[in-house]
Amino acid sequence: MGQALARRYHDAGWRLALVARRQQAMADWVQRQGLDPARITLHAADVTQPDSVIAAAHACMASQGVPDVVIANAGISHGMDSSERADLDVMQQILATNVLGMAATFQAFIRPMRERGSGSLVGIASVAGIRGLPGHGAYCSSKAAALTYCESLRGELHGSGVRVVTLLPGYIATPMTAGDHFSLPFLLSADQFAERAQRAIAAGASYRVIPWQMGVVAKLLRLLPNAVFDRLFAGRPRKPRLTPRPLTGVVAPADPVAPGTPDVPAASCADPDTPGHHPAPPSTP
């Protein structure tokens, strides 16, 4: 999704600051896509290491100024068996990426945006955060935390001129969903998601489910009595579990990378053609 967002904002004339773990792979991707390097800066960071992300944010502002839009697209997903000790380490990785990574992405930009009186902080959450699914405890809880974090931040910044936008994708066709062996209703391509996300951000939405049909499904599931919900999802296929890696190592990107494509986590952008607007910030994971 990050790559699709980057392409869409680039094609709309924005300047971009892109953040990923592998800077050279990201540079190769930019070249293959035929993007204008004069409008793009690249920064390397590990989203599970807050100081790494914050350093990239400061480097972005030093070279491009305070951005207009920051998109935190960090996210990984793995199945979980709560009876397995090793899966607690997987859960720690998921929470570090999906929750702390988002907060770290925003942190350095909040004060300068507030002082300027404008800007948008965009958090990519998920409809999976609306209700917990069996075998997905780590991912669902991380996205629920991302939702409430964005809601809290929105209240914190109310009246400052800085908007907080929470986007909740449904099923998006990315490498992260390619291994899912269960129904993916209302599946969108990454480009379709990016187009709708860009519209929602431009419209100043504070909360948007993409596609809207998944918002209806999620609300209906929320209304189901627990006993009905539990029976409905009993025996549902689950994501494969992951052998955990130490948090000091490199963690998989939001959309696990297909061969030959870099992990561009998200586009952080600003319109270079509008007076008073500044170039784009980084986004991470």
C-alpha atoms as a PDB file:
ATOM      1  CA  MET A   1       0.000   0.000   0.000  1.00  0.00           C
ATOM      2  CA  GLY A   2       2.876   2.344   0.712  1.00  0.00           C
ATOM      3  CA  GLN A   3       4.209   1.982  -2.812  1.00  0.00           C
ATOM      4  CA  ALA A   4       0.760   2.672  -4.279  1.00  0.00           C
ATOM      5  CA  LEU A   5       0.362   5.771  -2.109  1.00  0.00           C
ATOM      6  CA  ALA A   6       3.808   7.016  -3.098  1.00  0.00           C
ATOM      7  CA  ARG A   7       3.057   6.621  -6.808  1.00  0.00           C
ATOM      8  CA  ARG A   8      -0.316   8.331  -6.533  1.00  0.00           C
ATOM      9  CA  TYR A   9       0.997  11.354  -4.632  1.00  0.00           C
ATOM     10  CA  HIS A  10       3.982  11.625  -6.967  1.00  0.00           C
ATOM     11  CA  ASP A  11       1.721  11.579 -10.019  1.00  0.00           C
ATOM     12  CA  ALA A  12      -0.388  14.329  -8.437  1.00  0.00           C
ATOM     13  CA  GLY A  13       2.683  16.589  -8.302  1.00  0.00           C
ATOM     14  CA  TRP A  14       3.614  16.272  -4.644  1.00  0.00           C
ATOM     15  CA  ARG A  15       7.126  16.141  -3.277  1.00  0.00           C
ATOM     16  CA  LEU A  16       7.788  13.021  -1.251  1.00  0.00           C
ATOM     17  CA  ALA A  17       9.965  11.841   1.584  1.00  0.00           C
ATOM     18  CA  LEU A  18       9.952   8.048   1.734  1.00  0.00           C
ATOM     19  CA  VAL A  19      11.212   5.931   4.601  1.00  0.00           C
ATOM     20  CA  ALA A  20      12.005   2.217   4.524  1.00  0.00           C
ATOM     21  CA  ARG A  21      14.483  -0.183   6.086  1.00  0.00           C
ATOM     22  CA  ARG A  22      16.430  -0.706   2.865  1.00  0.00           C
ATOM     23  CA  GLN A  23      17.293   2.639   1.318  1.00  0.00           C
ATOM     24  CA  GLN A  24      19.036   1.247  -1.765  1.00  0.00           C
ATOM     25  CA  ALA A  25      16.128  -1.052  -2.580  1.00  0.00           C
ATOM     26  CA  MET A  26      13.834   1.935  -2.261  1.00  0.00           C
ATOM     27  CA  ALA A  27      16.057   3.972  -4.600  1.00  0.00           C
ATOM     28  CA  ASP A  28      15.985   1.138  -7.136  1.00  0.00           C
ATOM     29  CA  TRP A  29      12.186   1.023  -6.918  1.00  0.00           C
ATOM     30  CA  VAL A  30      11.914   4.779  -7.502  1.00  0.00           C
ATOM     31  CA  GLN A  31      14.092   4.433 -10.594  1.00  0.00           C
ATOM     32  CA  ARG A  32      12.124   1.486 -11.975  1.00  0.00           C
ATOM     33  CA  GLN A  33       8.876   3.379 -11.526  1.00  0.00           C
ATOM     34  CA  GLY A  34      10.229   6.345 -13.454  1.00  0.00           C
ATOM     35  CA  LEU A  35       9.545   8.741 -10.584  1.00  0.00           C
ATOM     36  CA  ASP A  36      11.189  12.164 -10.588  1.00  0.00           C
ATOM     37  CA  PRO A  37      14.151  11.933  -8.170  1.00  0.00           C
ATOM     38  CA  ALA A  38      14.212  15.724  -7.849  1.00  0.00           C
ATOM     39  CA  ARG A  39      10.915  15.524  -5.947  1.00  0.00           C
ATOM     40  CA  ILE A  40      11.831  12.618  -3.681  1.00  0.00           C
ATOM     41  CA  THR A  41      14.102  12.215  -0.685  1.00  0.00           C
ATOM     42  CA  LEU A  42      14.845   8.789   0.773  1.00  0.00           C
ATOM     43  CA  HIS A  43      15.463   7.926   4.408  1.00  0.00           C
ATOM     44  CA  ALA A  44      16.346   4.618   6.064  1.00  0.00           C
ATOM     45  CA  ALA A  45      14.811   3.684   9.412  1.00  0.00           C
ATOM     46  CA  ASP A  46      13.632   0.676  11.409  1.00  0.00           C
ATOM     47  CA  VAL A  47      10.082   1.319  12.554  1.00  0.00           C
ATOM     48  CA  THR A  48      10.545  -0.846  15.657  1.00  0.00           C
ATOM     49  CA  GLN A  49      13.283   1.519  16.863  1.00  0.00           C
ATOM     50  CA  PRO A  50      11.624   4.867  17.741  1.00  0.00           C
ATOM     51  CA  ASP A  51      14.860   6.869  17.713  1.00  0.00           C
ATOM     52  CA  SER A  52      15.599   5.587  14.205  1.00  0.00           C
ATOM     53  CA  VAL A  53      12.228   6.827  12.941  1.00  0.00           C
ATOM     54  CA  ILE A  54      12.510  10.144  14.778  1.00  0.00           C
ATOM     55  CA  ALA A  55      15.970  10.740  13.294  1.00  0.00           C
ATOM     56  CA  ALA A  56      14.545  10.175   9.809  1.00  0.00           C
ATOM     57  CA  ALA A  57      11.770  12.663  10.541  1.00  0.00           C
ATOM     58  CA  HIS A  58      14.245  15.329  11.637  1.00  0.00           C
ATOM     59  CA  ALA A  59      16.371  14.678   8.550  1.00  0.00           C
ATOM     60  CA  CYS A  60      13.286  15.134   6.404  1.00  0.00           C
ATOM     61  CA  MET A  61      12.385  18.455   8.021  1.00  0.00           C
ATOM     62  CA  ALA A  62      15.976  19.665   7.807  1.00  0.00           C
ATOM     63  CA  SER A  63      16.031  19.122   4.054  1.00  0.00           C
ATOM     64  CA  GLN A  64      12.418  19.797   3.098  1.00  0.00           C
ATOM     65  CA  GLY A  65      10.693  21.702   5.876  1.00  0.00           C
ATOM     66  CA  VAL A  66       7.608  20.724   7.847  1.00  0.00           C
ATOM     67  CA  PRO A  67       5.387  18.482   5.715  1.00  0.00           C
ATOM     68  CA  ASP A  68       1.709  18.894   5.015  1.00  0.00           C
ATOM     69  CA  VAL A  69       0.834  15.201   5.245  1.00  0.00           C
ATOM     70  CA  VAL A  70       2.466  12.365   7.159  1.00  0.00           C
ATOM     71  CA  ILE A  71       1.223   8.833   6.478  1.00  0.00           C
ATOM     72  CA  ALA A  72       2.118   6.105   8.983  1.00  0.00           C
ATOM     73  CA  ASN A  73       1.661   2.883   7.057  1.00  0.00           C
ATOM     74  CA  ALA A  74       3.591   0.564   9.366  1.00  0.00           C
ATOM     75  CA  GLY A  75       2.043  -2.849   9.819  1.00  0.00           C
ATOM     76  CA  ILE A  76       2.818  -6.556  10.004  1.00  0.00           C
ATOM     77  CA  SER A  77       0.438  -9.444  10.544  1.00  0.00           C
ATOM     78  CA  HIS A  78       0.944 -13.022  11.700  1.00  0.00           C
ATOM     79  CA  GLY A  79      -1.254 -15.682  13.227  1.00  0.00           C
ATOM     80  CA  MET A  80      -0.983 -16.339  16.948  1.00  0.00           C
ATOM     81  CA  ASP A  81      -1.479 -19.281  19.287  1.00  0.00           C
ATOM     82  CA  SER A  82      -1.855 -17.792  22.752  1.00  0.00           C
ATOM     83  CA  SER A  83      -0.761 -21.053  24.385  1.00  0.00           C
ATOM     84  CA  GLU A  84       2.697 -20.812  22.781  1.00  0.00           C
ATOM     85  CA  ARG A  85       5.395 -18.865  24.651  1.00  0.00           C
ATOM     86  CA  ALA A  86       7.169 -18.018  21.396  1.00  0.00           C
ATOM     87  CA  ASP A  87       4.090 -16.214  20.123  1.00  0.00           C
ATOM     88  CA  LEU A  88       4.410 -13.634  22.889  1.00  0.00           C
ATOM     89  CA  ASP A  89       7.600 -12.516  21.141  1.00  0.00           C
ATOM     90  CA  VAL A  90       5.713 -12.337  17.849  1.00  0.00           C
ATOM     91  CA  MET A  91       3.044 -10.270  19.565  1.00  0.00           C
ATOM     92  CA  GLN A  92       5.727  -7.934  20.885  1.00  0.00           C
ATOM     93  CA  GLN A  93       7.054  -7.449  17.350  1.00  0.00           C
ATOM     94  CA  ILE A  94       3.583  -6.753  15.982  1.00  0.00           C
ATOM     95  CA  LEU A  95       2.748  -4.232  18.699  1.00  0.00           C
ATOM     96  CA  ALA A  96       6.143  -2.545  18.299  1.00  0.00           C
ATOM     97  CA  THR A  97       5.551  -2.123  14.571  1.00  0.00           C
ATOM     98  CA  ASN A  98       1.825  -1.429  14.365  1.00  0.00           C
ATOM     99  CA  VAL A  99       1.368   0.776  17.428  1.00  0.00           C
ATOM    100  CA  LEU A 100       4.639   2.205  18.707  1.00  0.00           C
ATOM    101  CA  GLY A 101       5.862   2.589  15.124  1.00  0.00           C
ATOM    102  CA  MET A 102       2.875   4.776  14.286  1.00  0.00           C
ATOM    103  CA  ALA A 103       3.346   6.953  17.363  1.00  0.00           C
ATOM    104  CA  ALA A 104       7.066   7.311  16.613  1.00  0.00           C
ATOM    105  CA  THR A 105       6.319   8.289  13.013  1.00  0.00           C
ATOM    106  CA  PHE A 106       4.084  11.139  14.158  1.00  0.00           C
ATOM    107  CA  GLN A 107       6.054  12.289  17.213  1.00  0.00           C
ATOM    108  CA  ALA A 108       8.638  14.579  15.633  1.00  0.00           C
ATOM    109  CA  PHE A 109       6.084  16.326  13.423  1.00  0.00           C
ATOM    110  CA  ILE A 110       3.469  17.147  16.048  1.00  0.00           C
ATOM    111  CA  ARG A 111       5.093  20.195  17.639  1.00  0.00           C
ATOM    112  CA  PRO A 112       6.178  21.924  14.389  1.00  0.00           C
ATOM    113  CA  MET A 113       2.797  21.233  12.770  1.00  0.00           C
ATOM    114  CA  ARG A 114       1.011  22.614  15.811  1.00  0.00           C
ATOM    115  CA  GLU A 115       3.205  25.707  15.807  1.00  0.00           C
ATOM    116  CA  ARG A 116       2.428  26.227  12.119  1.00  0.00           C
ATOM    117  CA  GLY A 117      -1.262  25.574  12.697  1.00  0.00           C
ATOM    118  CA  SER A 118      -1.758  23.049   9.904  1.00  0.00           C
ATOM    119  CA  GLY A 119      -0.951  19.550   8.710  1.00  0.00           C
ATOM    120  CA  SER A 120      -2.419  16.063   8.531  1.00  0.00           C
ATOM    121  CA  LEU A 121      -1.279  12.974  10.423  1.00  0.00           C
ATOM    122  CA  VAL A 122      -2.672   9.869   8.727  1.00  0.00           C
ATOM    123  CA  GLY A 123      -2.709   6.549  10.566  1.00  0.00           C
ATOM    124  CA  ILE A 124      -3.359   3.336   8.639  1.00  0.00           C
ATOM    125  CA  ALA A 125      -5.292   1.073  11.018  1.00  0.00           C
ATOM    126  CA  SER A 126      -7.583  -1.795   9.937  1.00  0.00           C
ATOM    127  CA  VAL A 127     -11.134  -3.054  10.239  1.00  0.00           C
ATOM    128  CA  ALA A 128      -9.488  -5.935  12.115  1.00  0.00           C
ATOM    129  CA  GLY A 129      -9.223  -3.544  15.047  1.00  0.00           C
ATOM    130  CA  ILE A 130     -12.995  -3.323  15.437  1.00  0.00           C
ATOM    131  CA  ARG A 131     -13.511  -6.861  16.733  1.00  0.00           C
ATOM    132  CA  GLY A 132     -11.071  -9.577  17.748  1.00  0.00           C
ATOM    133  CA  LEU A 133     -10.780 -12.681  15.572  1.00  0.00           C
ATOM    134  CA  PRO A 134      -9.590 -16.074  16.874  1.00  0.00           C
ATOM    135  CA  GLY A 135      -5.965 -16.746  16.051  1.00  0.00           C
ATOM    136  CA  HIS A 136      -5.368 -13.075  15.269  1.00  0.00           C
ATOM    137  CA  GLY A 137      -5.043 -11.743  18.804  1.00  0.00           C
ATOM    138  CA  ALA A 138      -1.783  -9.900  18.210  1.00  0.00           C
ATOM    139  CA  TYR A 139      -2.828  -8.219  14.965  1.00  0.00           C
ATOM    140  CA  CYS A 140      -6.384  -7.361  16.020  1.00  0.00           C
ATOM    141  CA  SER A 141      -5.264  -5.931  19.356  1.00  0.00           C
ATOM    142  CA  SER A 142      -2.535  -3.890  17.662  1.00  0.00           C
ATOM    143  CA  LYS A 143      -5.008  -2.367  15.227  1.00  0.00           C
ATOM    144  CA  ALA A 144      -7.508  -1.694  18.014  1.00  0.00           C
ATOM    145  CA  ALA A 145      -4.704   0.142  19.808  1.00  0.00           C
ATOM    146  CA  ALA A 146      -3.877   2.079  16.636  1.00  0.00           C
ATOM    147  CA  LEU A 147      -7.524   3.124  16.318  1.00  0.00           C
ATOM    148  CA  THR A 148      -7.787   4.396  19.872  1.00  0.00           C
ATOM    149  CA  TYR A 149      -4.351   6.022  19.695  1.00  0.00           C
ATOM    150  CA  CYS A 150      -5.423   8.038  16.646  1.00  0.00           C
ATOM    151  CA  GLU A 151      -8.684   8.941  18.370  1.00  0.00           C
ATOM    152  CA  SER A 152      -6.801  10.122  21.445  1.00  0.00           C
ATOM    153  CA  LEU A 153      -4.350  12.107  19.331  1.00  0.00           C
ATOM    154  CA  ARG A 154      -7.212  13.700  17.414  1.00  0.00           C
ATOM    155  CA  GLY A 155      -8.653  14.996  20.678  1.00  0.00           C
ATOM    156  CA  GLU A 156      -5.220  16.107  21.849  1.00  0.00           C
ATOM    157  CA  LEU A 157      -4.747  18.215  18.713  1.00  0.00           C
ATOM    158  CA  HIS A 158      -8.314  19.513  18.487  1.00  0.00           C
ATOM    159  CA  GLY A 159      -8.358  23.211  17.683  1.00  0.00           C
ATOM    160  CA  SER A 160      -4.674  23.294  16.715  1.00  0.00           C
ATOM    161  CA  GLY A 161      -5.256  23.165  12.964  1.00  0.00           C
ATOM    162  CA  VAL A 162      -3.579  19.745  12.774  1.00  0.00           C
ATOM    163  CA  ARG A 163      -5.889  16.992  11.547  1.00  0.00           C
ATOM    164  CA  VAL A 164      -5.636  13.340  12.485  1.00  0.00           C
ATOM    165  CA  VAL A 165      -7.026  10.985   9.839  1.00  0.00           C
ATOM    166  CA  THR A 166      -7.697   7.333  10.683  1.00  0.00           C
ATOM    167  CA  LEU A 167      -7.985   5.013   7.682  1.00  0.00           C
ATOM    168  CA  LEU A 168      -9.281   1.471   8.111  1.00  0.00           C
ATOM    169  CA  PRO A 169      -8.533  -0.739   5.104  1.00  0.00           C
ATOM    170  CA  GLY A 170     -10.481  -3.907   4.592  1.00  0.00           C
ATOM    171  CA  TYR A 171      -8.883  -6.665   2.533  1.00  0.00           C
ATOM    172  CA  ILE A 172      -6.224  -5.265   0.187  1.00  0.00           C
ATOM    173  CA  ALA A 173      -4.416  -7.403  -2.394  1.00  0.00           C
ATOM    174  CA  THR A 174      -0.819  -7.195  -1.165  1.00  0.00           C
ATOM    175  CA  PRO A 175       1.825  -9.816  -0.367  1.00  0.00           C
ATOM    176  CA  MET A 176       0.533  -9.694   3.225  1.00  0.00           C
ATOM    177  CA  THR A 177      -2.848 -11.122   2.166  1.00  0.00           C
ATOM    178  CA  ALA A 178      -1.501 -13.400  -0.573  1.00  0.00           C
ATOM    179  CA  GLY A 179      -1.092 -16.302   1.854  1.00  0.00           C
ATOM    180  CA  ASP A 180      -4.536 -15.977   3.438  1.00  0.00           C
ATOM    181  CA  HIS A 181      -6.539 -19.152   2.815  1.00  0.00           C
ATOM    182  CA  PHE A 182      -9.950 -17.772   3.649  1.00  0.00           C
ATOM    183  CA  SER A 183     -12.572 -15.551   2.039  1.00  0.00           C
ATOM    184  CA  LEU A 184     -11.500 -11.949   1.367  1.00  0.00           C
ATOM    185  CA  PRO A 185     -14.764 -10.055   0.777  1.00  0.00           C
ATOM    186  CA  PHE A 186     -14.699  -6.709  -1.060  1.00  0.00           C
ATOM    187  CA  LEU A 187     -11.018  -7.184  -1.923  1.00  0.00           C
ATOM    188  CA  LEU A 188      -9.345  -4.058  -3.369  1.00  0.00           C
ATOM    189  CA  SER A 189      -6.072  -3.669  -5.211  1.00  0.00           C
ATOM    190  CA  ALA A 190      -3.419  -1.510  -3.556  1.00  0.00           C
ATOM    191  CA  ASP A 191      -3.968   1.149  -6.233  1.00  0.00           C
ATOM    192  CA  GLN A 192      -7.716   1.210  -5.592  1.00  0.00           C
ATOM    193  CA  PHE A 193      -7.072   1.639  -1.891  1.00  0.00           C
ATOM    194  CA  ALA A 194      -4.524   4.414  -2.490  1.00  0.00           C
ATOM    195  CA  GLU A 195      -6.916   6.338  -4.732  1.00  0.00           C
ATOM    196  CA  ARG A 196      -9.690   6.241  -2.128  1.00  0.00           C
ATOM    197  CA  ALA A 197      -7.282   7.003   0.700  1.00  0.00           C
ATOM    198  CA  GLN A 198      -5.966  10.072  -1.106  1.00  0.00           C
ATOM    199  CA  ARG A 199      -9.526  11.326  -1.594  1.00  0.00           C
ATOM    200  CA  ALA A 200     -10.366  10.799   2.070  1.00  0.00           C
ATOM    201  CA  ILE A 201      -7.252  12.676   3.194  1.00  0.00           C
ATOM    202  CA  ALA A 202      -7.953  15.574   0.821  1.00  0.00           C
ATOM    203  CA  ALA A 203     -11.567  15.743   2.024  1.00  0.00           C
ATOM    204  CA  GLY A 204     -10.447  16.147   5.619  1.00  0.00           C
ATOM    205  CA  ALA A 205     -12.094  12.950   6.850  1.00  0.00           C
ATOM    206  CA  SER A 206     -11.273  12.042  10.436  1.00  0.00           C
ATOM    207  CA  TYR A 207     -12.240   8.361  10.057  1.00  0.00           C
ATOM    208  CA  ARG A 208     -12.796   6.354   6.892  1.00  0.00           C
ATOM    209  CA  VAL A 209     -13.271   2.631   6.219  1.00  0.00           C
ATOM    210  CA  ILE A 210     -12.054   1.569   2.763  1.00  0.00           C
ATOM    211  CA  PRO A 211     -14.055   0.105   1.102  1.00  0.00           C
ATOM    212  CA  TRP A 212     -17.202   1.401   2.784  1.00  0.00           C
ATOM    213  CA  GLN A 213     -18.845  -2.028   2.540  1.00  0.00           C
ATOM    214  CA  MET A 214     -16.349  -3.365   5.069  1.00  0.00           C
ATOM    215  CA  GLY A 215     -17.445  -0.629   7.446  1.00  0.00           C
ATOM    216  CA  VAL A 216     -20.994  -1.972   7.298  1.00  0.00           C
ATOM    217  CA  VAL A 217     -19.754  -5.526   7.873  1.00  0.00           C
ATOM    218  CA  ALA A 218     -17.620  -4.429  10.827  1.00  0.00           C
ATOM    219  CA  LYS A 219     -20.502  -2.545  12.454  1.00  0.00           C
ATOM    220  CA  LEU A 220     -22.804  -5.528  12.064  1.00  0.00           C
ATOM    221  CA  LEU A 221     -20.193  -7.813  13.633  1.00  0.00           C
ATOM    222  CA  ARG A 222     -19.828  -5.377  16.515  1.00  0.00           C
ATOM    223  CA  LEU A 223     -23.565  -5.646  17.186  1.00  0.00           C
ATOM    224  CA  LEU A 224     -23.622  -9.449  17.292  1.00  0.00           C
ATOM    225  CA  PRO A 225     -24.020 -11.015  20.743  1.00  0.00           C
ATOM    226  CA  ASN A 226     -20.810 -12.664  21.887  1.00  0.00           C
ATOM    227  CA  ALA A 227     -22.271 -16.164  21.725  1.00  0.00           C
ATOM    228  CA  VAL A 228     -23.358 -15.674  18.099  1.00  0.00           C
ATOM    229  CA  PHE A 229     -20.042 -14.077  17.139  1.00  0.00           C
ATOM    230  CA  ASP A 230     -18.058 -16.911  18.740  1.00  0.00           C
ATOM    231  CA  ARG A 231     -20.046 -19.590  16.909  1.00  0.00           C
ATOM    232  CA  LEU A 232     -19.766 -17.720  13.620  1.00  0.00           C
ATOM    233  CA  PHE A 233     -15.964 -17.604  13.740  1.00  0.00           C
ATOM    234  CA  ALA A 234     -15.281 -20.960  15.393  1.00  0.00           C
ATOM    235  CA  GLY A 235     -12.989 -23.005  13.167  1.00  0.00           C
ATOM    236  CA  ARG A 236     -12.266 -20.070  10.855  1.00  0.00           C
ATOM    237  CA  PRO A 237      -8.994 -20.460   8.899  1.00  0.00           C
ATOM    238  CA  ARG A 238      -6.126 -18.497  10.427  1.00  0.00           C
ATOM    239  CA  LYS A 239      -2.937 -16.859   9.289  1.00  0.00           C
ATOM    240  CA  PRO A 240       0.195 -18.986   9.668  1.00  0.00           C
ATOM    241  CA  ARG A 241       2.210 -18.465  12.824  1.00  0.00           C
ATOM    242  CA  LEU A 242       5.710 -17.024  12.616  1.00  0.00           C
ATOM    243  CA  THR A 243       8.910 -18.113  14.273  1.00  0.00           C
ATOM    244  CA  PRO A 244       9.752 -14.928  16.192  1.00  0.00           C
ATOM    245  CA  ARG A 245      12.840 -12.841  15.668  1.00  0.00           C
ATOM    246  CA  PRO A 246      14.493 -10.614  18.283  1.00  0.00           C
ATOM    247  CA  LEU A 247      13.323  -7.018  18.300  1.00  0.00           C
ATOM    248  CA  THR A 248      16.919  -5.910  17.827  1.00  0.00           C
ATOM    249  CA  GLY A 249      16.820  -7.406  14.336  1.00  0.00           C
ATOM    250  CA  VAL A 250      15.062  -6.217  11.227  1.00  0.00           C
ATOM    251  CA  VAL A 251      11.294  -6.678  11.274  1.00  0.00           C
ATOM    252  CA  ALA A 252       9.265  -7.433   8.154  1.00  0.00           C
ATOM    253  CA  PRO A 253       7.692  -4.415   6.458  1.00  0.00           C
ATOM    254  CA  ALA A 254       4.026  -3.524   6.514  1.00  0.00           C
ATOM    255  CA  ASP A 255       3.401  -5.192   3.191  1.00  0.00           C
ATOM    256  CA  PRO A 256       5.892  -8.067   3.020  1.00  0.00           C
ATOM    257  CA  VAL A 257       8.001  -7.403  -0.022  1.00  0.00           C
ATOM    258  CA  ALA A 258       7.538  -9.348  -3.207  1.00  0.00           C
ATOM    259  CA  PRO A 259      10.756 -10.281  -5.014  1.00  0.00           C
ATOM    260  CA  GLY A 260      12.216  -7.258  -6.721  1.00  0.00           C
ATOM    261  CA  THR A 261      10.139  -4.659  -4.890  1.00  0.00           C
ATOM    262  CA  PRO A 262      11.404  -2.533  -1.991  1.00  0.00           C
ATOM    263  CA  ASP A 263       9.509  -2.023   1.220  1.00  0.00           C
ATOM    264  CA  VAL A 264       8.386   1.555   0.656  1.00  0.00           C
ATOM    265  CA  PRO A 265       6.198   1.935   3.717  1.00  0.00           C
ATOM    266  CA  ALA A 266       4.178   4.982   2.881  1.00  0.00           C
ATOM    267  CA  ALA A 267       4.141   8.362   1.257  1.00  0.00           C
ATOM    268  CA  SER A 268       4.500  11.462   3.340  1.00  0.00           C
ATOM    269  CA  CYS A 269       3.794  14.341   1.119  1.00  0.00           C
ATOM    270  CA  ALA A 270       3.405  18.027   0.500  1.00  0.00           C
ATOM    271  CA  ASP A 271       2.304  19.949  -2.553  1.00  0.00           C
ATOM    272  CA  PRO A 272       5.293  21.816  -4.011  1.00  0.00           C
ATOM    273  CA  ASP A 273       3.150  24.013  -6.222  1.00  0.00           C
ATOM    274  CA  THR A 274       1.108  25.623  -3.464  1.00  0.00           C
ATOM    275  CA  PRO A 275       2.698  28.721  -1.888  1.00  0.00           C
ATOM    276  CA  GLY A 276       3.524  28.183   1.743  1.00  0.00           C
ATOM    277  CA  HIS A 277       3.373  24.422   1.529  1.00  0.00           C
ATOM    278  CA  HIS A 278       6.396  22.388   2.369  1.00  0.00           C
ATOM    279  CA  PRO A 279       7.839  19.159   1.104  1.00  0.00           C
ATOM    280  CA  ALA A 280       6.854  15.820   2.333  1.00  0.00           C
ATOM    281  CA  PRO A 281       7.823  13.954   5.457  1.00  0.00           C
ATOM    282  CA  PRO A 282       8.711  10.371   5.815  1.00  0.00           C
ATOM    283  CA  SER A 283       6.438   7.585   6.684  1.00  0.00           C
ATOM    284  CA  THR A 284       7.536   4.300   8.073  1.00  0.00           C
ATOM    285  CA  PRO A 285       6.916   0.607   8.116  1.00  0.00           C
END
